[in-house]
Amino acid sequence: MGRLQSKSAVITAAGHGIGRASARLFARGGASVWALDIDQSALQSLAAEVPGIRPFVLDVTDAAAIRAFADQAGEVDILFNCAGFVHEGTILQCEESDWDRSFDINVRSMYRMIRALLPGMIARRRGSIVNMSSLASSVKGVPNRFVYGATKAAVIGLSKALAVDVIAQGIRVNAICPATVDSPSLRGRIQSAADPVAARAAFEARQPMGRIGTPDEIANLALYLASDESSYTTGGVHVIDGGWMA
């Protein structure tokens, strides 16, 4: 029997990267997975690849669409808030529009998803919420990640506050803090660099393991936190960083 047998899971940004790897892993673990993304073609290819995937095109910055989705989804046992946006630059390179967009995608989207799905979890007195934070947060300052680090620090605060508020209702809340992970976002930033080869080498060099993490490695941690195997774990900040903080 799978680790998520008979459970219903919702994963945002499921079309690519960590979200896609997690959707595959959760479905193979027995869950019925709602895979949410704005990229319809990516969702269709994911659903064709893995049985048990229910693709759903959703913009996590659209509050009305989120509420409508929650009405359709019914009972949800697991919510993995994986959607995110990386703004590069210092405070002097962060316009108010960059600040607003970063917080809307990285933090407010989680607030909206949780607000929509939490009442059902409370009614059933069970649930696991996993929020994607980052090593670049209150855990560690990373150069040229000013507003990104601020948003991911907010995710940690959100997760801890929520964990305390819902612990008596049988709901667990945890945050994941990865270091550099091979993803479409990272590859896009590398390709936009003046010297892509040197840019990738720099990302790899700052990891003590000498390599970038894989989406599957992060997905395995998400699976553990989503499953009943982590039933005594809540309010945690789970660093997965290839030894960067060692």
C-alpha atoms as a PDB file:
ATOM      1  CA  MET A   1       0.000   0.000   0.000  1.00  0.00           C
ATOM      2  CA  GLY A   2       1.328   3.473  -0.889  1.00  0.00           C
ATOM      3  CA  ARG A   3       2.322   6.028   1.697  1.00  0.00           C
ATOM      4  CA  LEU A   4      -0.545   8.307   0.611  1.00  0.00           C
ATOM      5  CA  GLN A   5      -3.138   5.654  -0.131  1.00  0.00           C
ATOM      6  CA  SER A   6      -6.721   6.997  -0.193  1.00  0.00           C
ATOM      7  CA  LYS A   7      -5.593  10.594   0.366  1.00  0.00           C
ATOM      8  CA  SER A   8      -6.410  13.609  -1.774  1.00  0.00           C
ATOM      9  CA  ALA A   9      -3.606  16.076  -2.458  1.00  0.00           C
ATOM     10  CA  VAL A  10      -3.429  19.516  -4.040  1.00  0.00           C
ATOM     11  CA  ILE A  11      -0.101  20.712  -5.465  1.00  0.00           C
ATOM     12  CA  THR A  12       0.434  24.170  -6.924  1.00  0.00           C
ATOM     13  CA  ALA A  13       2.955  24.839  -9.709  1.00  0.00           C
ATOM     14  CA  ALA A  14       2.682  21.157 -10.573  1.00  0.00           C
ATOM     15  CA  GLY A  15       3.557  21.536 -14.227  1.00  0.00           C
ATOM     16  CA  HIS A  16       7.305  21.894 -13.813  1.00  0.00           C
ATOM     17  CA  GLY A  17      10.261  21.355 -11.494  1.00  0.00           C
ATOM     18  CA  ILE A  18       9.673  20.415  -7.859  1.00  0.00           C
ATOM     19  CA  GLY A  19       5.899  20.620  -8.226  1.00  0.00           C
ATOM     20  CA  ARG A  20       5.878  18.184 -11.140  1.00  0.00           C
ATOM     21  CA  ALA A  21       8.245  15.763  -9.393  1.00  0.00           C
ATOM     22  CA  SER A  22       6.045  15.911  -6.292  1.00  0.00           C
ATOM     23  CA  ALA A  23       2.848  15.312  -8.263  1.00  0.00           C
ATOM     24  CA  ARG A  24       4.398  12.202  -9.819  1.00  0.00           C
ATOM     25  CA  LEU A  25       5.659  10.942  -6.463  1.00  0.00           C
ATOM     26  CA  PHE A  26       2.408  11.635  -4.588  1.00  0.00           C
ATOM     27  CA  ALA A  27       0.344   9.885  -7.269  1.00  0.00           C
ATOM     28  CA  ARG A  28       2.651   6.868  -7.257  1.00  0.00           C
ATOM     29  CA  GLY A  29       2.313   6.859  -3.475  1.00  0.00           C
ATOM     30  CA  GLY A  30      -1.420   6.287  -3.834  1.00  0.00           C
ATOM     31  CA  ALA A  31      -2.811   9.820  -3.610  1.00  0.00           C
ATOM     32  CA  SER A  32      -5.437  11.304  -5.864  1.00  0.00           C
ATOM     33  CA  VAL A  33      -3.567  14.431  -6.978  1.00  0.00           C
ATOM     34  CA  TRP A  34      -5.005  17.744  -8.093  1.00  0.00           C
ATOM     35  CA  ALA A  35      -2.162  19.194 -10.166  1.00  0.00           C
ATOM     36  CA  LEU A  36      -2.517  22.983 -10.431  1.00  0.00           C
ATOM     37  CA  ASP A  37      -0.578  25.243 -12.791  1.00  0.00           C
ATOM     38  CA  ILE A  38      -1.084  28.043 -15.305  1.00  0.00           C
ATOM     39  CA  ASP A  39       0.624  25.942 -18.009  1.00  0.00           C
ATOM     40  CA  GLN A  40      -2.098  23.770 -19.513  1.00  0.00           C
ATOM     41  CA  SER A  41       0.185  21.840 -21.862  1.00  0.00           C
ATOM     42  CA  ALA A  42       2.526  20.908 -19.009  1.00  0.00           C
ATOM     43  CA  LEU A  43      -0.427  19.648 -16.984  1.00  0.00           C
ATOM     44  CA  GLN A  44      -1.734  17.592 -19.901  1.00  0.00           C
ATOM     45  CA  SER A  45       1.628  15.903 -20.400  1.00  0.00           C
ATOM     46  CA  LEU A  46       1.855  15.195 -16.668  1.00  0.00           C
ATOM     47  CA  ALA A  47      -1.613  13.642 -16.600  1.00  0.00           C
ATOM     48  CA  ALA A  48      -0.749  11.495 -19.620  1.00  0.00           C
ATOM     49  CA  GLU A  49       2.429  10.355 -17.898  1.00  0.00           C
ATOM     50  CA  VAL A  50       1.036   9.458 -14.466  1.00  0.00           C
ATOM     51  CA  PRO A  51      -2.325   7.843 -13.595  1.00  0.00           C
ATOM     52  CA  GLY A  52      -4.108   9.490 -10.691  1.00  0.00           C
ATOM     53  CA  ILE A  53      -3.296  13.045 -11.745  1.00  0.00           C
ATOM     54  CA  ARG A  54      -6.188  15.478 -12.086  1.00  0.00           C
ATOM     55  CA  PRO A  55      -4.912  18.515 -14.020  1.00  0.00           C
ATOM     56  CA  PHE A  56      -6.475  21.886 -13.256  1.00  0.00           C
ATOM     57  CA  VAL A  57      -5.433  25.205 -14.779  1.00  0.00           C
ATOM     58  CA  LEU A  58      -5.283  27.760 -11.976  1.00  0.00           C
ATOM     59  CA  ASP A  59      -3.606  31.099 -11.376  1.00  0.00           C
ATOM     60  CA  VAL A  60      -2.679  31.166  -7.689  1.00  0.00           C
ATOM     61  CA  THR A  61      -2.923  34.973  -7.673  1.00  0.00           C
ATOM     62  CA  ASP A  62      -6.637  34.798  -8.586  1.00  0.00           C
ATOM     63  CA  ALA A  63      -8.602  34.654  -5.327  1.00  0.00           C
ATOM     64  CA  ALA A  64     -11.972  33.995  -6.970  1.00  0.00           C
ATOM     65  CA  ALA A  65     -10.561  31.148  -9.054  1.00  0.00           C
ATOM     66  CA  ILE A  66      -9.036  29.586  -5.946  1.00  0.00           C
ATOM     67  CA  ARG A  67     -12.363  29.691  -4.114  1.00  0.00           C
ATOM     68  CA  ALA A  68     -14.106  28.121  -7.113  1.00  0.00           C
ATOM     69  CA  PHE A  69     -11.488  25.384  -7.267  1.00  0.00           C
ATOM     70  CA  ALA A  70     -11.905  24.619  -3.549  1.00  0.00           C
ATOM     71  CA  ASP A  71     -15.650  24.147  -4.063  1.00  0.00           C
ATOM     72  CA  GLN A  72     -14.948  21.676  -6.872  1.00  0.00           C
ATOM     73  CA  ALA A  73     -12.101  19.798  -5.169  1.00  0.00           C
ATOM     74  CA  GLY A  74     -14.125  18.582  -2.197  1.00  0.00           C
ATOM     75  CA  GLU A  75     -12.218  16.831   0.574  1.00  0.00           C
ATOM     76  CA  VAL A  76      -8.485  17.545   0.546  1.00  0.00           C
ATOM     77  CA  ASP A  77      -6.037  15.877   2.928  1.00  0.00           C
ATOM     78  CA  ILE A  78      -2.777  17.440   1.698  1.00  0.00           C
ATOM     79  CA  LEU A  79      -1.900  20.874   0.377  1.00  0.00           C
ATOM     80  CA  PHE A  80       1.573  21.469  -1.035  1.00  0.00           C
ATOM     81  CA  ASN A  81       2.045  25.163  -1.793  1.00  0.00           C
ATOM     82  CA  CYS A  82       4.875  24.994  -4.317  1.00  0.00           C
ATOM     83  CA  ALA A  83       4.269  28.032  -6.546  1.00  0.00           C
ATOM     84  CA  GLY A  84       6.980  30.674  -6.422  1.00  0.00           C
ATOM     85  CA  PHE A  85       8.843  33.414  -8.241  1.00  0.00           C
ATOM     86  CA  VAL A  86      12.526  34.369  -7.983  1.00  0.00           C
ATOM     87  CA  HIS A  87      13.345  38.058  -8.303  1.00  0.00           C
ATOM     88  CA  GLU A  88      17.049  38.750  -8.687  1.00  0.00           C
ATOM     89  CA  GLY A  89      18.601  41.884  -7.231  1.00  0.00           C
ATOM     90  CA  THR A  90      19.266  44.029  -4.182  1.00  0.00           C
ATOM     91  CA  ILE A  91      16.828  46.472  -2.569  1.00  0.00           C
ATOM     92  CA  LEU A  92      17.960  49.149  -5.020  1.00  0.00           C
ATOM     93  CA  GLN A  93      16.988  46.892  -7.916  1.00  0.00           C
ATOM     94  CA  CYS A  94      13.612  46.022  -6.408  1.00  0.00           C
ATOM     95  CA  GLU A  95      10.831  48.342  -7.538  1.00  0.00           C
ATOM     96  CA  GLU A  96       7.522  48.412  -5.669  1.00  0.00           C
ATOM     97  CA  SER A  97       5.998  46.427  -8.531  1.00  0.00           C
ATOM     98  CA  ASP A  98       8.650  43.715  -8.005  1.00  0.00           C
ATOM     99  CA  TRP A  99       7.913  43.716  -4.285  1.00  0.00           C
ATOM    100  CA  ASP A 100       4.173  43.395  -4.887  1.00  0.00           C
ATOM    101  CA  ARG A 101       4.511  40.640  -7.481  1.00  0.00           C
ATOM    102  CA  SER A 102       6.940  38.639  -5.324  1.00  0.00           C
ATOM    103  CA  PHE A 103       4.714  38.749  -2.256  1.00  0.00           C
ATOM    104  CA  ASP A 104       1.583  38.044  -4.296  1.00  0.00           C
ATOM    105  CA  ILE A 105       3.013  34.866  -5.834  1.00  0.00           C
ATOM    106  CA  ASN A 106       5.221  33.641  -2.992  1.00  0.00           C
ATOM    107  CA  VAL A 107       3.146  34.479   0.087  1.00  0.00           C
ATOM    108  CA  ARG A 108      -0.365  35.712  -0.656  1.00  0.00           C
ATOM    109  CA  SER A 109      -1.024  32.714  -2.905  1.00  0.00           C
ATOM    110  CA  MET A 110      -0.369  30.439   0.083  1.00  0.00           C
ATOM    111  CA  TYR A 111      -2.677  32.532   2.261  1.00  0.00           C
ATOM    112  CA  ARG A 112      -5.418  32.207  -0.347  1.00  0.00           C
ATOM    113  CA  MET A 113      -4.973  28.461  -0.917  1.00  0.00           C
ATOM    114  CA  ILE A 114      -4.903  27.741   2.809  1.00  0.00           C
ATOM    115  CA  ARG A 115      -7.929  29.950   3.521  1.00  0.00           C
ATOM    116  CA  ALA A 116      -9.882  28.072   0.855  1.00  0.00           C
ATOM    117  CA  LEU A 117      -8.948  24.506   1.859  1.00  0.00           C
ATOM    118  CA  LEU A 118      -8.346  24.730   5.606  1.00  0.00           C
ATOM    119  CA  PRO A 119     -12.031  24.767   6.700  1.00  0.00           C
ATOM    120  CA  GLY A 120     -12.537  21.304   5.211  1.00  0.00           C
ATOM    121  CA  MET A 121      -9.451  19.999   6.993  1.00  0.00           C
ATOM    122  CA  ILE A 122     -10.667  21.452  10.281  1.00  0.00           C
ATOM    123  CA  ALA A 123     -14.090  19.865   9.791  1.00  0.00           C
ATOM    124  CA  ARG A 124     -12.464  16.435   9.288  1.00  0.00           C
ATOM    125  CA  ARG A 125      -9.802  17.104  11.945  1.00  0.00           C
ATOM    126  CA  ARG A 126      -6.927  16.012   9.738  1.00  0.00           C
ATOM    127  CA  GLY A 127      -4.601  17.421   7.141  1.00  0.00           C
ATOM    128  CA  SER A 128      -1.020  18.199   6.193  1.00  0.00           C
ATOM    129  CA  ILE A 129       0.047  21.527   4.711  1.00  0.00           C
ATOM    130  CA  VAL A 130       3.539  21.819   3.219  1.00  0.00           C
ATOM    131  CA  ASN A 131       4.792  25.270   2.213  1.00  0.00           C
ATOM    132  CA  MET A 132       7.754  25.916  -0.057  1.00  0.00           C
ATOM    133  CA  SER A 133      10.190  28.346   1.515  1.00  0.00           C
ATOM    134  CA  SER A 134      13.907  28.550   0.731  1.00  0.00           C
ATOM    135  CA  LEU A 135      17.328  28.589   2.301  1.00  0.00           C
ATOM    136  CA  ALA A 136      17.332  32.212   1.087  1.00  0.00           C
ATOM    137  CA  SER A 137      15.016  33.425   3.847  1.00  0.00           C
ATOM    138  CA  SER A 138      15.357  33.981   7.588  1.00  0.00           C
ATOM    139  CA  VAL A 139      17.596  30.893   7.474  1.00  0.00           C
ATOM    140  CA  LYS A 140      20.338  32.491   5.378  1.00  0.00           C
ATOM    141  CA  GLY A 141      21.037  35.724   3.555  1.00  0.00           C
ATOM    142  CA  VAL A 142      21.882  35.124  -0.097  1.00  0.00           C
ATOM    143  CA  PRO A 143      23.300  37.868  -2.367  1.00  0.00           C
ATOM    144  CA  ASN A 144      20.920  39.455  -4.887  1.00  0.00           C
ATOM    145  CA  ARG A 145      17.855  37.766  -3.431  1.00  0.00           C
ATOM    146  CA  PHE A 146      16.493  40.722  -1.445  1.00  0.00           C
ATOM    147  CA  VAL A 147      12.743  40.502  -1.979  1.00  0.00           C
ATOM    148  CA  TYR A 148      12.835  36.753  -2.640  1.00  0.00           C
ATOM    149  CA  GLY A 149      14.491  36.212   0.742  1.00  0.00           C
ATOM    150  CA  ALA A 150      11.936  38.497   2.387  1.00  0.00           C
ATOM    151  CA  THR A 151       9.033  36.532   0.928  1.00  0.00           C
ATOM    152  CA  LYS A 152      10.501  33.189   1.891  1.00  0.00           C
ATOM    153  CA  ALA A 153      11.119  34.423   5.444  1.00  0.00           C
ATOM    154  CA  ALA A 154       7.431  35.369   5.486  1.00  0.00           C
ATOM    155  CA  VAL A 155       6.531  31.820   4.419  1.00  0.00           C
ATOM    156  CA  ILE A 156       8.403  30.488   7.445  1.00  0.00           C
ATOM    157  CA  GLY A 157       6.541  32.875   9.735  1.00  0.00           C
ATOM    158  CA  LEU A 158       3.216  31.995   8.115  1.00  0.00           C
ATOM    159  CA  SER A 159       3.898  28.275   8.509  1.00  0.00           C
ATOM    160  CA  LYS A 160       4.890  28.485  12.162  1.00  0.00           C
ATOM    161  CA  ALA A 161       1.955  30.707  13.116  1.00  0.00           C
ATOM    162  CA  LEU A 162      -0.509  28.461  11.287  1.00  0.00           C
ATOM    163  CA  ALA A 163       0.963  25.310  12.806  1.00  0.00           C
ATOM    164  CA  VAL A 164       0.284  26.621  16.309  1.00  0.00           C
ATOM    165  CA  ASP A 165      -3.249  27.727  15.437  1.00  0.00           C
ATOM    166  CA  VAL A 166      -4.384  24.391  13.955  1.00  0.00           C
ATOM    167  CA  ILE A 167      -2.438  21.808  15.945  1.00  0.00           C
ATOM    168  CA  ALA A 168      -5.447  21.046  18.158  1.00  0.00           C
ATOM    169  CA  GLN A 169      -7.538  20.321  15.052  1.00  0.00           C
ATOM    170  CA  GLY A 170      -5.192  17.534  13.938  1.00  0.00           C
ATOM    171  CA  ILE A 171      -3.583  19.523  11.135  1.00  0.00           C
ATOM    172  CA  ARG A 172       0.174  19.739  10.598  1.00  0.00           C
ATOM    173  CA  VAL A 173       2.045  22.542   8.838  1.00  0.00           C
ATOM    174  CA  ASN A 174       5.682  22.438   7.724  1.00  0.00           C
ATOM    175  CA  ALA A 175       8.018  24.511   5.557  1.00  0.00           C
ATOM    176  CA  ILE A 176      10.696  23.208   3.209  1.00  0.00           C
ATOM    177  CA  CYS A 177      13.856  25.273   2.665  1.00  0.00           C
ATOM    178  CA  PRO A 178      15.868  24.025  -0.317  1.00  0.00           C
ATOM    179  CA  ALA A 179      19.133  25.433  -1.538  1.00  0.00           C
ATOM    180  CA  THR A 180      19.811  25.542  -5.301  1.00  0.00           C
ATOM    181  CA  VAL A 181      17.713  23.032  -7.231  1.00  0.00           C
ATOM    182  CA  ASP A 182      17.789  22.215 -10.947  1.00  0.00           C
ATOM    183  CA  SER A 183      14.537  23.662 -12.254  1.00  0.00           C
ATOM    184  CA  PRO A 184      13.189  25.545 -15.286  1.00  0.00           C
ATOM    185  CA  SER A 185      13.495  28.757 -13.263  1.00  0.00           C
ATOM    186  CA  LEU A 186      17.153  28.130 -12.480  1.00  0.00           C
ATOM    187  CA  ARG A 187      17.943  27.081 -16.044  1.00  0.00           C
ATOM    188  CA  GLY A 188      16.312  30.266 -17.311  1.00  0.00           C
ATOM    189  CA  ARG A 189      18.445  32.407 -15.022  1.00  0.00           C
ATOM    190  CA  ILE A 190      21.575  30.541 -16.075  1.00  0.00           C
ATOM    191  CA  GLN A 191      20.811  30.956 -19.772  1.00  0.00           C
ATOM    192  CA  SER A 192      20.163  34.674 -19.328  1.00  0.00           C
ATOM    193  CA  ALA A 193      23.617  35.187 -17.793  1.00  0.00           C
ATOM    194  CA  ALA A 194      26.401  36.686 -19.888  1.00  0.00           C
ATOM    195  CA  ASP A 195      28.310  33.419 -19.532  1.00  0.00           C
ATOM    196  CA  PRO A 196      25.886  30.525 -18.882  1.00  0.00           C
ATOM    197  CA  VAL A 197      28.666  27.977 -18.378  1.00  0.00           C
ATOM    198  CA  ALA A 198      30.333  30.117 -15.743  1.00  0.00           C
ATOM    199  CA  ALA A 199      26.959  30.875 -14.120  1.00  0.00           C
ATOM    200  CA  ARG A 200      26.132  27.188 -13.700  1.00  0.00           C
ATOM    201  CA  ALA A 201      29.627  26.480 -12.386  1.00  0.00           C
ATOM    202  CA  ALA A 202      29.156  29.224  -9.783  1.00  0.00           C
ATOM    203  CA  PHE A 203      25.843  27.731  -8.615  1.00  0.00           C
ATOM    204  CA  GLU A 204      27.468  24.298  -8.292  1.00  0.00           C
ATOM    205  CA  ALA A 205      30.584  25.631  -6.560  1.00  0.00           C
ATOM    206  CA  ARG A 206      28.667  27.208  -3.687  1.00  0.00           C
ATOM    207  CA  GLN A 207      27.152  23.827  -2.787  1.00  0.00           C
ATOM    208  CA  PRO A 208      29.492  21.808  -0.541  1.00  0.00           C
ATOM    209  CA  MET A 209      28.386  18.624  -2.308  1.00  0.00           C
ATOM    210  CA  GLY A 210      29.616  20.171  -5.541  1.00  0.00           C
ATOM    211  CA  ARG A 211      26.321  19.800  -7.336  1.00  0.00           C
ATOM    212  CA  ILE A 212      22.839  21.254  -7.581  1.00  0.00           C
ATOM    213  CA  GLY A 213      19.910  19.415  -5.999  1.00  0.00           C
ATOM    214  CA  THR A 214      17.276  17.599  -8.042  1.00  0.00           C
ATOM    215  CA  PRO A 215      13.513  18.137  -7.957  1.00  0.00           C
ATOM    216  CA  ASP A 216      13.039  14.496  -6.936  1.00  0.00           C
ATOM    217  CA  GLU A 217      15.189  15.012  -3.833  1.00  0.00           C
ATOM    218  CA  ILE A 218      12.945  17.840  -2.666  1.00  0.00           C
ATOM    219  CA  ALA A 219       9.825  15.910  -3.637  1.00  0.00           C
ATOM    220  CA  ASN A 220      10.866  13.023  -1.404  1.00  0.00           C
ATOM    221  CA  LEU A 221      10.974  15.374   1.589  1.00  0.00           C
ATOM    222  CA  ALA A 222       7.571  16.785   0.626  1.00  0.00           C
ATOM    223  CA  LEU A 223       6.193  13.243   0.442  1.00  0.00           C
ATOM    224  CA  TYR A 224       7.460  12.475   3.934  1.00  0.00           C
ATOM    225  CA  LEU A 225       5.920  15.640   5.380  1.00  0.00           C
ATOM    226  CA  ALA A 226       2.636  14.996   3.578  1.00  0.00           C
ATOM    227  CA  SER A 227       2.401  11.406   4.782  1.00  0.00           C
ATOM    228  CA  ASP A 228       1.417   9.963   8.152  1.00  0.00           C
ATOM    229  CA  GLU A 229       5.039   8.893   8.613  1.00  0.00           C
ATOM    230  CA  SER A 230       5.677  12.453   9.824  1.00  0.00           C
ATOM    231  CA  SER A 231       2.674  12.479  12.172  1.00  0.00           C
ATOM    232  CA  TYR A 232       4.736  13.939  15.057  1.00  0.00           C
ATOM    233  CA  THR A 233       6.196  16.725  12.904  1.00  0.00           C
ATOM    234  CA  THR A 234       4.659  20.191  12.695  1.00  0.00           C
ATOM    235  CA  GLY A 235       5.858  23.776  12.710  1.00  0.00           C
ATOM    236  CA  GLY A 236       9.188  22.631  11.331  1.00  0.00           C
ATOM    237  CA  VAL A 237      11.613  24.414   9.030  1.00  0.00           C
ATOM    238  CA  HIS A 238      13.171  21.604   7.016  1.00  0.00           C
ATOM    239  CA  VAL A 239      16.464  22.575   5.399  1.00  0.00           C
ATOM    240  CA  ILE A 240      17.590  20.503   2.415  1.00  0.00           C
ATOM    241  CA  ASP A 241      20.683  22.211   1.092  1.00  0.00           C
ATOM    242  CA  GLY A 242      23.499  19.883   0.098  1.00  0.00           C
ATOM    243  CA  GLY A 243      25.421  20.924   3.198  1.00  0.00           C
ATOM    244  CA  TRP A 244      25.409  24.685   2.554  1.00  0.00           C
ATOM    245  CA  MET A 245      24.476  25.399   6.189  1.00  0.00           C
ATOM    246  CA  ALA A 246      26.757  22.736   7.702  1.00  0.00           C
END
